[in-house]
Amino acid sequence: MEQNDSKQNPSKQKPSKQKPDKEEQEKIIRKVSAAGIFGNIILSAFKLFAGIYGRSGAMISDAVHSFSDVIATFIAYLGARLSMRPADREHPYGHERLECVAALILGIVLVVTGLGIGKTGLTNIFFGNKEDIAVPGMIALVAAIVSIATKEAMFWYTRYYAGVIDSPAFKADAWHHRSDALSSVGSLIGIGGAMLGYPVMDSVASVVICLFIFKVSFDILKDAISKMLDTSSGEEYENRLREFVLKQNDVGRVDLLRTRTFGSKIYVDIEIAVDGNKTLREAHDVAERVHEEVEKNFSEVKHIMIHVNPME
C-alpha cells in the first residue's frame, strides 16, 4: 500500500537543524534583502565618489561591481519569496525550484562580472599606457579598506541567515558579497602599488581576483543545476534515513529507498516490509507511523511515499 502526503509544518528534528516557520522566514528574507540592497547602494555611492575624486579607475570599477550586488540581492529576494509560495494546481509540488533559478541567475552574474574584471585587467597589462595612468589619491585607498571590511561583514551576515532558512539563493548572494570583497582587495593592492610607483599591480590583482570569482560561480551553478535535475540526496543521507526507518516498530526491513532533491527540499520513495499476517489496517498504521516519524525528524523531507510489502 502507499502513503502520500506533503510537508506543511516541519518540526524539530535530530539529523538537521530546526527551520523557522514561514512567518519568521519571511522576516529574515526582508531583513537580509534590505541590508544587502541599502548597504550596497551606500557603499557603491561612496566608492564611486572616492574613485572619481581620488582619480582611481580601479575604484570606479569596484563601485560598478558593488552596484551589481544590488541587482543580485534583489534577484535573491524574489527567488526566496517565490519559492515559499504554496503548491497550486499548476505547481502541485510547490515552487522550490524558483529559488534554484535565482541562484542560477546569480551564478551567471558572477561569471559576467569575472569576465569583465579579467578583460579589463588583461587589457591594461598588455595594451595599457602605464605612463598615462594617474596616481590615485588617499581617499581611494581608504575606500578600498572600508569596502573590504563592509563586504566581508555582509558575507558572513548573509551566509548565516542563508543557513538558518536553508536558502540557496541567499547562499549565492553571500558569495557575491565575498567576490566584491576580493575585488576590493585587488583595488587595495592596485591603488597601493600605484601610489608606490607600480600601477600594473592593479591589473595583475584584477586578473587573479577574476579566477576566484570563476571558482565561486562554478560552485553555485553546479549546486543549482544539480538540485534542478532531481539528483539523489547522497549515499550518506540515504543510509542515515534507512537506519532511522529500520529502528521504527514493526519495520522488518527496507526493500527500497530512493531520494531526489527538489530545490531545497527532498522527496523520498521507500518500500518497507512488515509481518505478512498483519491486517490491511495494521499495515497502514505502520506506514502512517513511519511517515510521521520521518517528517518529525527530517524537516527537509517535503514529500514521502511509503509502500508496504509482506515479510516473507
Protein backbone atom coordinates (compact mmCIF):
# COMPACT_ATOMS: atom_id res chain seq x y z
CA MET A 1 0.00 0.00 0.00
CA GLU A 2 1.09 3.62 -0.42
CA GLN A 3 1.03 6.64 1.84
CA ASN A 4 1.30 10.12 0.29
CA ASP A 5 1.48 13.48 1.98
CA SER A 6 3.13 16.86 1.75
CA LYS A 7 5.13 18.51 4.48
CA GLN A 8 3.36 21.51 5.94
CA ASN A 9 4.85 22.32 9.35
CA PRO A 10 8.32 20.83 9.82
CA SER A 11 9.21 20.42 13.48
CA LYS A 12 12.46 19.99 15.31
CA GLN A 13 14.47 17.04 14.13
CA LYS A 14 17.73 15.37 15.04
CA PRO A 15 19.70 14.90 11.81
CA SER A 16 19.32 18.53 10.68
CA LYS A 17 18.78 21.96 12.17
CA GLN A 18 15.32 23.26 13.03
CA LYS A 19 13.98 25.61 10.39
CA PRO A 20 12.00 28.76 11.30
CA ASP A 21 8.30 28.88 10.48
CA LYS A 22 7.07 30.63 7.34
CA GLU A 23 6.41 33.97 9.05
CA GLU A 24 9.88 34.04 10.59
CA GLN A 25 11.46 33.07 7.25
CA GLU A 26 9.72 36.00 5.55
CA LYS A 27 11.05 38.37 8.22
CA ILE A 28 14.58 37.06 7.66
CA ILE A 29 14.22 37.40 3.89
CA ARG A 30 13.08 41.02 4.19
CA LYS A 31 15.81 41.87 6.71
CA VAL A 32 18.69 40.32 4.76
CA SER A 33 17.48 41.73 1.45
CA ALA A 34 17.13 45.25 2.88
CA ALA A 35 20.61 45.08 4.43
CA GLY A 36 22.09 43.91 1.14
CA ILE A 37 20.32 46.42 -1.09
CA PHE A 38 20.76 49.55 1.04
CA GLY A 39 24.26 48.54 2.16
CA ASN A 40 25.39 48.12 -1.44
CA ILE A 41 23.76 51.37 -2.59
CA ILE A 42 25.54 53.39 0.11
CA LEU A 43 28.85 51.57 -0.44
CA SER A 44 28.64 51.93 -4.22
CA ALA A 45 27.98 55.67 -3.96
CA PHE A 46 30.90 56.14 -1.59
CA LYS A 47 33.29 54.14 -3.77
CA LEU A 48 32.18 55.96 -6.92
CA PHE A 49 32.83 59.31 -5.23
CA ALA A 50 36.21 58.08 -3.95
CA GLY A 51 37.12 56.74 -7.39
CA ILE A 52 36.28 59.97 -9.21
CA TYR A 53 37.68 62.33 -6.59
CA GLY A 54 40.72 60.10 -5.97
CA ARG A 55 41.36 59.52 -9.70
CA SER A 56 41.24 55.74 -9.38
CA GLY A 57 39.92 53.71 -12.28
CA ALA A 58 40.12 50.57 -10.14
CA MET A 59 37.86 52.10 -7.50
CA ILE A 60 35.34 53.27 -10.12
CA SER A 61 35.20 49.71 -11.48
CA ASP A 62 34.85 48.43 -7.94
CA ALA A 63 31.89 50.77 -7.41
CA VAL A 64 30.17 49.40 -10.50
CA HIS A 65 30.86 45.89 -9.22
CA SER A 66 29.23 46.75 -5.89
CA PHE A 67 26.17 48.15 -7.63
CA SER A 68 25.77 44.82 -9.41
CA ASP A 69 25.26 43.34 -5.94
CA VAL A 70 22.11 45.44 -5.58
CA ILE A 71 20.64 43.68 -8.58
CA ALA A 72 21.93 40.32 -7.33
CA THR A 73 20.37 40.78 -3.88
CA PHE A 74 17.06 41.84 -5.44
CA ILE A 75 17.06 38.66 -7.56
CA ALA A 76 17.83 36.57 -4.47
CA TYR A 77 14.94 38.24 -2.63
CA LEU A 78 12.49 37.47 -5.42
CA GLY A 79 13.74 33.89 -5.68
CA ALA A 80 13.42 33.22 -1.96
CA ARG A 81 9.94 34.77 -1.76
CA LEU A 82 8.62 32.95 -4.83
CA SER A 83 9.93 29.59 -3.57
CA MET A 84 7.77 29.95 -0.43
CA ARG A 85 4.51 30.10 -2.37
CA PRO A 86 2.18 27.20 -1.51
CA ALA A 87 1.53 24.45 -4.04
CA ASP A 88 -1.24 25.10 -6.56
CA ARG A 89 -2.89 23.31 -9.49
CA GLU A 90 -0.18 24.33 -11.96
CA HIS A 91 2.64 23.66 -9.48
CA PRO A 92 1.44 20.71 -7.33
CA TYR A 93 4.92 20.12 -5.89
CA GLY A 94 5.45 23.72 -4.82
CA HIS A 95 7.80 26.43 -6.09
CA GLU A 96 11.15 25.45 -4.51
CA ARG A 97 12.91 25.32 -7.88
CA LEU A 98 12.33 29.03 -8.41
CA GLU A 99 14.99 29.58 -5.77
CA CYS A 100 17.42 27.49 -7.80
CA VAL A 101 16.59 29.61 -10.84
CA ALA A 102 17.53 32.69 -8.81
CA ALA A 103 20.79 31.02 -7.79
CA LEU A 104 21.48 30.24 -11.46
CA ILE A 105 20.99 33.89 -12.37
CA LEU A 106 23.36 34.95 -9.59
CA GLY A 107 25.94 32.44 -10.79
CA ILE A 108 25.74 33.87 -14.30
CA VAL A 109 26.07 37.41 -12.90
CA LEU A 110 29.28 36.30 -11.18
CA VAL A 111 30.63 34.83 -14.42
CA VAL A 112 29.91 38.05 -16.32
CA THR A 113 31.48 40.10 -13.52
CA GLY A 114 34.58 37.91 -13.55
CA LEU A 115 34.90 38.21 -17.32
CA GLY A 116 34.65 41.99 -17.08
CA ILE A 117 37.33 42.20 -14.39
CA GLY A 118 39.61 39.79 -16.25
CA LYS A 119 39.22 41.54 -19.59
CA THR A 120 39.96 44.96 -18.11
CA GLY A 121 42.98 43.64 -16.25
CA LEU A 122 44.49 41.85 -19.25
CA THR A 123 43.88 44.86 -21.49
CA ASN A 124 45.73 47.15 -19.08
CA ILE A 125 48.61 44.67 -18.68
CA PHE A 126 49.25 44.08 -22.37
CA PHE A 127 47.91 47.18 -24.10
CA GLY A 128 47.74 49.92 -21.45
CA ASN A 129 49.96 53.00 -21.46
CA LYS A 130 51.37 52.92 -17.93
CA GLU A 131 52.87 56.42 -18.17
CA ASP A 132 49.42 57.96 -18.63
CA ILE A 133 47.88 56.30 -15.57
CA ALA A 134 47.10 58.84 -12.82
CA VAL A 135 48.28 58.11 -9.29
CA PRO A 136 45.22 57.55 -7.05
CA GLY A 137 44.60 59.73 -4.00
CA MET A 138 44.44 58.61 -0.37
CA ILE A 139 40.62 58.62 -0.35
CA ALA A 140 40.63 55.79 -2.89
CA LEU A 141 42.87 53.72 -0.61
CA VAL A 142 40.57 54.39 2.36
CA ALA A 143 37.53 53.43 0.28
CA ALA A 144 39.14 50.10 -0.60
CA ILE A 145 39.77 49.30 3.07
CA VAL A 146 36.22 50.29 4.06
CA SER A 147 34.83 48.21 1.22
CA ILE A 148 36.76 45.09 2.24
CA ALA A 149 35.59 45.32 5.85
CA THR A 150 31.98 46.08 4.92
CA LYS A 151 31.62 43.41 2.25
CA GLU A 152 33.23 40.74 4.41
CA ALA A 153 30.78 41.57 7.21
CA MET A 154 27.89 41.36 4.73
CA PHE A 155 29.19 37.99 3.52
CA TRP A 156 29.10 36.44 6.99
CA TYR A 157 25.78 38.09 7.84
CA THR A 158 24.07 36.84 4.68
CA ARG A 159 25.63 33.38 4.84
CA TYR A 160 24.47 32.92 8.44
CA TYR A 161 20.83 33.65 7.63
CA ALA A 162 21.04 31.65 4.40
CA GLY A 163 21.87 28.66 6.58
CA VAL A 164 19.05 29.45 9.01
CA ILE A 165 16.37 29.36 6.28
CA ASP A 166 18.30 26.96 4.02
CA SER A 167 18.20 29.34 1.05
CA PRO A 168 20.41 28.55 -1.98
CA ALA A 169 19.67 32.00 -3.40
CA PHE A 170 20.96 33.79 -0.31
CA LYS A 171 23.95 31.46 -0.11
CA ALA A 172 24.77 32.54 -3.66
CA ASP A 173 24.21 36.16 -2.69
CA ALA A 174 26.59 35.78 0.26
CA TRP A 175 29.34 34.58 -2.07
CA HIS A 176 28.62 37.55 -4.29
CA HIS A 177 29.47 39.75 -1.30
CA ARG A 178 32.70 37.79 -0.87
CA SER A 179 33.58 38.27 -4.55
CA ASP A 180 33.09 42.02 -4.09
CA ALA A 181 35.39 41.94 -1.05
CA LEU A 182 38.02 40.15 -3.15
CA SER A 183 37.57 42.75 -5.84
CA SER A 184 38.25 45.45 -3.26
CA VAL A 185 41.38 43.58 -2.15
CA GLY A 186 42.55 43.87 -5.74
CA SER A 187 41.71 47.55 -5.69
CA LEU A 188 43.66 47.98 -2.45
CA ILE A 189 46.71 46.23 -3.89
CA GLY A 190 46.45 48.12 -7.16
CA ILE A 191 45.92 51.52 -5.57
CA GLY A 192 48.70 50.89 -3.07
CA GLY A 193 51.01 49.70 -5.84
CA ALA A 194 50.18 52.71 -7.98
CA MET A 195 50.93 55.05 -5.09
CA LEU A 196 54.29 53.27 -4.71
CA GLY A 197 55.06 53.60 -8.42
CA TYR A 198 53.82 50.22 -9.75
CA PRO A 199 50.44 50.87 -11.44
CA VAL A 200 50.44 47.49 -13.24
CA MET A 201 49.84 45.76 -9.89
CA ASP A 202 46.19 46.81 -10.07
CA SER A 203 45.66 44.94 -13.32
CA VAL A 204 47.55 41.84 -12.17
CA ALA A 205 45.47 41.68 -9.00
CA SER A 206 42.27 42.07 -11.03
CA VAL A 207 43.13 39.03 -13.16
CA VAL A 208 43.85 36.95 -10.05
CA ILE A 209 40.56 38.05 -8.48
CA CYS A 210 38.55 37.00 -11.52
CA LEU A 211 39.86 33.43 -11.06
CA PHE A 212 38.39 33.36 -7.54
CA ILE A 213 35.12 34.71 -8.88
CA PHE A 214 35.00 31.99 -11.55
CA LYS A 215 35.54 29.31 -8.88
CA VAL A 216 32.69 30.62 -6.74
CA SER A 217 30.34 30.97 -9.72
CA PHE A 218 31.16 27.41 -10.83
CA ASP A 219 30.25 26.03 -7.40
CA ILE A 220 26.99 28.00 -7.30
CA LEU A 221 25.95 26.94 -10.81
CA LYS A 222 26.88 23.31 -10.17
CA ASP A 223 24.82 23.18 -6.97
CA ALA A 224 21.78 24.89 -8.53
CA ILE A 225 21.81 22.69 -11.64
CA SER A 226 22.23 19.56 -9.52
CA LYS A 227 19.15 20.46 -7.46
CA MET A 228 17.11 21.12 -10.59
CA LEU A 229 17.92 17.71 -12.12
CA ASP A 230 16.37 15.60 -9.33
CA THR A 231 19.70 14.22 -8.18
CA SER A 232 19.94 11.89 -5.20
CA SER A 233 20.46 13.42 -1.77
CA GLY A 234 23.58 11.28 -1.40
CA GLU A 235 24.55 7.89 0.00
CA GLU A 236 25.34 9.23 3.46
CA TYR A 237 21.94 10.88 3.84
CA GLU A 238 20.09 7.82 2.50
CA ASN A 239 21.96 5.48 4.86
CA ARG A 240 21.02 7.71 7.79
CA LEU A 241 17.39 7.71 6.69
CA ARG A 242 17.40 3.92 6.16
CA GLU A 243 18.82 3.29 9.63
CA PHE A 244 16.21 5.58 11.15
CA VAL A 245 13.32 3.75 9.42
CA LEU A 246 14.66 0.34 10.46
CA LYS A 247 14.52 1.43 14.11
CA GLN A 248 10.76 2.01 13.90
CA ASN A 249 8.45 -0.57 15.48
CA ASP A 250 7.15 -3.37 13.20
CA VAL A 251 9.51 -2.50 10.32
CA GLY A 252 11.28 -5.73 9.37
CA ARG A 253 13.44 -4.38 6.58
CA VAL A 254 13.78 -1.66 3.96
CA ASP A 255 13.42 -3.13 0.46
CA LEU A 256 13.86 0.10 -1.48
CA LEU A 257 14.86 3.67 -0.69
CA ARG A 258 15.16 6.45 -3.24
CA THR A 259 15.57 10.18 -2.72
CA ARG A 260 15.61 13.15 -5.03
CA THR A 261 16.45 16.77 -4.39
CA PHE A 262 13.81 19.29 -5.43
CA GLY A 263 15.17 22.77 -4.81
CA SER A 264 15.97 22.93 -1.10
CA LYS A 265 13.61 20.04 -0.27
CA ILE A 266 13.93 16.24 -0.50
CA TYR A 267 11.37 13.75 -1.82
CA VAL A 268 11.51 10.13 -0.64
CA ASP A 269 10.19 6.85 -2.09
CA ILE A 270 10.52 3.90 0.27
CA GLU A 271 9.37 0.27 0.46
CA ILE A 272 9.25 -1.36 3.87
CA ALA A 273 8.47 -4.96 4.83
CA VAL A 274 6.18 -5.86 7.75
CA ASP A 275 4.71 -9.06 9.15
CA GLY A 276 2.60 -10.65 6.41
CA ASN A 277 -0.03 -11.72 8.93
CA LYS A 278 -0.97 -8.14 9.75
CA THR A 279 -4.31 -6.82 8.54
CA LEU A 280 -4.56 -4.06 5.96
CA ARG A 281 -5.41 -1.57 8.72
CA GLU A 282 -2.42 -2.65 10.82
CA ALA A 283 -0.05 -2.37 7.86
CA HIS A 284 -1.46 1.07 7.09
CA ASP A 285 -0.87 2.15 10.69
CA VAL A 286 2.77 1.08 10.46
CA ALA A 287 3.22 3.12 7.27
CA GLU A 288 1.47 6.11 8.85
CA ARG A 289 3.70 5.93 11.91
CA VAL A 290 6.89 5.73 9.82
CA HIS A 291 5.67 8.64 7.72
CA GLU A 292 5.05 10.83 10.77
CA GLU A 293 8.40 9.98 12.38
CA VAL A 294 10.35 10.76 9.21
CA GLU A 295 8.59 14.13 8.88
CA LYS A 296 9.22 14.87 12.54
CA ASN A 297 12.94 14.10 12.41
CA PHE A 298 13.86 15.13 8.84
CA SER A 299 12.39 18.60 8.27
CA GLU A 300 13.92 18.86 4.78
CA VAL A 301 11.72 15.95 3.59
CA LYS A 302 8.69 17.58 1.98
CA HIS A 303 7.03 14.53 0.42
CA ILE A 304 7.34 10.82 1.26
CA MET A 305 5.72 7.84 -0.45
CA ILE A 306 5.67 4.58 1.54
CA HIS A 307 4.90 1.18 0.01
CA VAL A 308 4.39 -1.79 2.34
CA ASN A 309 5.50 -5.32 1.38
CA PRO A 310 4.66 -8.54 3.27
CA MET A 311 7.57 -10.04 5.21
CA GLU A 312 8.44 -13.48 3.80
